[in-house]
Amino acid sequence: MVRRDQPYKRQIFMYINNRHGESPSCGHSGSEEMVEELKNVAKEMKLKGKLRVAKSGCLDLCAFGPNMMIWPEGIWYMKVTKEDLPKIVETYLRLGE
């Protein structure tokens, strides 16, 4: 086992489980597209190595999705929409610069 400090200043986990309309799910509600948009914005802002936008599997809160976790703050957003992304970018992708 190797232990190290967190390599990123911040990580954003977007839950992407998709139940294909059989029941509510983050992936079926557009979360994968939001991941790609956040990755593009992070790239434009030259945050490679500082910010990680990652896909995550199901945590059994699909009825509240799309769900997003901001780390290390431990903040959980539910029912995220594309319209919410600018506020998330402004709040979390600037990394205190």
Protein backbone atom coordinates (compact mmCIF):
# COMPACT_ATOMS: atom_id res chain seq x y z
CA MET A 1 0.00 0.00 0.00
CA VAL A 2 1.16 3.52 -0.82
CA ARG A 3 -0.22 6.53 1.01
CA ARG A 4 0.10 10.09 -0.24
CA ASP A 5 -1.55 13.45 0.17
CA GLN A 6 -4.39 14.40 -2.13
CA PRO A 7 -2.85 15.29 -5.53
CA TYR A 8 -5.56 17.80 -6.45
CA LYS A 9 -6.70 20.96 -4.75
CA ARG A 10 -10.30 19.99 -5.50
CA GLN A 11 -12.24 17.10 -7.02
CA ILE A 12 -15.74 17.11 -8.45
CA PHE A 13 -17.49 13.75 -8.62
CA MET A 14 -20.55 13.52 -10.85
CA TYR A 15 -22.68 10.41 -10.46
CA ILE A 16 -23.46 8.86 -13.84
CA ASN A 17 -25.38 5.63 -13.13
CA ASN A 18 -27.96 5.17 -15.89
CA ARG A 19 -31.03 3.00 -15.43
CA HIS A 20 -32.23 3.88 -18.96
CA GLY A 21 -35.59 5.25 -17.86
CA GLU A 22 -36.61 2.20 -15.81
CA SER A 23 -36.40 4.41 -12.72
CA PRO A 24 -34.84 7.81 -11.96
CA SER A 25 -31.08 7.94 -12.34
CA CYS A 26 -28.32 10.52 -12.62
CA GLY A 27 -27.05 9.33 -16.01
CA HIS A 28 -30.50 9.30 -17.55
CA SER A 29 -30.89 12.93 -16.40
CA GLY A 30 -27.87 14.28 -18.30
CA SER A 31 -25.03 13.96 -15.80
CA GLU A 32 -22.52 12.56 -18.34
CA GLU A 33 -22.94 15.65 -20.52
CA MET A 34 -22.39 17.85 -17.47
CA VAL A 35 -19.14 16.01 -16.67
CA GLU A 36 -17.85 16.74 -20.17
CA GLU A 37 -18.84 20.40 -19.91
CA LEU A 38 -17.09 20.77 -16.54
CA LYS A 39 -13.97 19.06 -17.95
CA ASN A 40 -13.94 21.46 -20.90
CA VAL A 41 -14.26 24.49 -18.65
CA ALA A 42 -11.47 23.19 -16.37
CA LYS A 43 -9.25 22.71 -19.42
CA GLU A 44 -10.00 26.22 -20.68
CA MET A 45 -9.11 27.57 -17.24
CA LYS A 46 -5.81 25.63 -17.31
CA LEU A 47 -6.57 23.71 -14.12
CA LYS A 48 -4.84 20.45 -15.10
CA GLY A 49 -3.18 18.98 -12.03
CA LYS A 50 -5.20 21.21 -9.69
CA LEU A 51 -8.77 20.07 -10.33
CA ARG A 52 -10.13 16.65 -11.15
CA VAL A 53 -13.61 16.22 -12.63
CA ALA A 54 -14.51 12.56 -12.32
CA LYS A 55 -17.42 10.23 -13.05
CA SER A 56 -18.71 8.14 -10.19
CA GLY A 57 -21.02 5.16 -9.91
CA CYS A 58 -24.27 4.91 -7.99
CA LEU A 59 -24.66 5.83 -4.32
CA ASP A 60 -28.38 4.93 -4.18
CA LEU A 61 -29.71 8.48 -4.23
CA CYS A 62 -30.86 8.37 -7.85
CA ALA A 63 -34.26 9.86 -7.07
CA PHE A 64 -32.43 13.09 -6.15
CA GLY A 65 -30.13 13.11 -9.19
CA PRO A 66 -28.19 14.21 -10.93
CA ASN A 67 -25.94 14.23 -7.87
CA MET A 68 -22.54 15.87 -7.52
CA MET A 69 -19.96 15.81 -4.69
CA ILE A 70 -17.35 18.54 -4.24
CA TRP A 71 -14.22 17.40 -2.41
CA PRO A 72 -12.50 18.22 -0.05
CA GLU A 73 -15.41 20.40 1.08
CA GLY A 74 -17.69 17.35 1.21
CA ILE A 75 -20.57 19.33 -0.28
CA TRP A 76 -23.25 17.32 -2.02
CA TYR A 77 -25.47 18.88 -4.67
CA MET A 78 -28.65 17.15 -5.78
CA LYS A 79 -30.91 17.78 -8.78
CA VAL A 80 -28.05 19.54 -10.60
CA THR A 81 -28.94 20.99 -14.02
CA LYS A 82 -26.87 22.44 -16.83
CA GLU A 83 -28.15 25.84 -15.72
CA ASP A 84 -26.42 25.28 -12.34
CA LEU A 85 -22.99 24.73 -13.90
CA PRO A 86 -21.99 28.43 -14.22
CA LYS A 87 -22.52 28.93 -10.48
CA ILE A 88 -20.57 25.75 -9.71
CA VAL A 89 -17.75 26.90 -11.99
CA GLU A 90 -17.66 30.32 -10.35
CA THR A 91 -17.72 28.84 -6.86
CA TYR A 92 -15.41 25.84 -7.17
CA LEU A 93 -13.30 25.95 -10.32
CA ARG A 94 -11.58 29.25 -9.56
CA LEU A 95 -9.70 27.50 -6.73
CA GLY A 96 -9.31 30.68 -4.73
CA GLU A 97 -7.33 32.47 -7.45
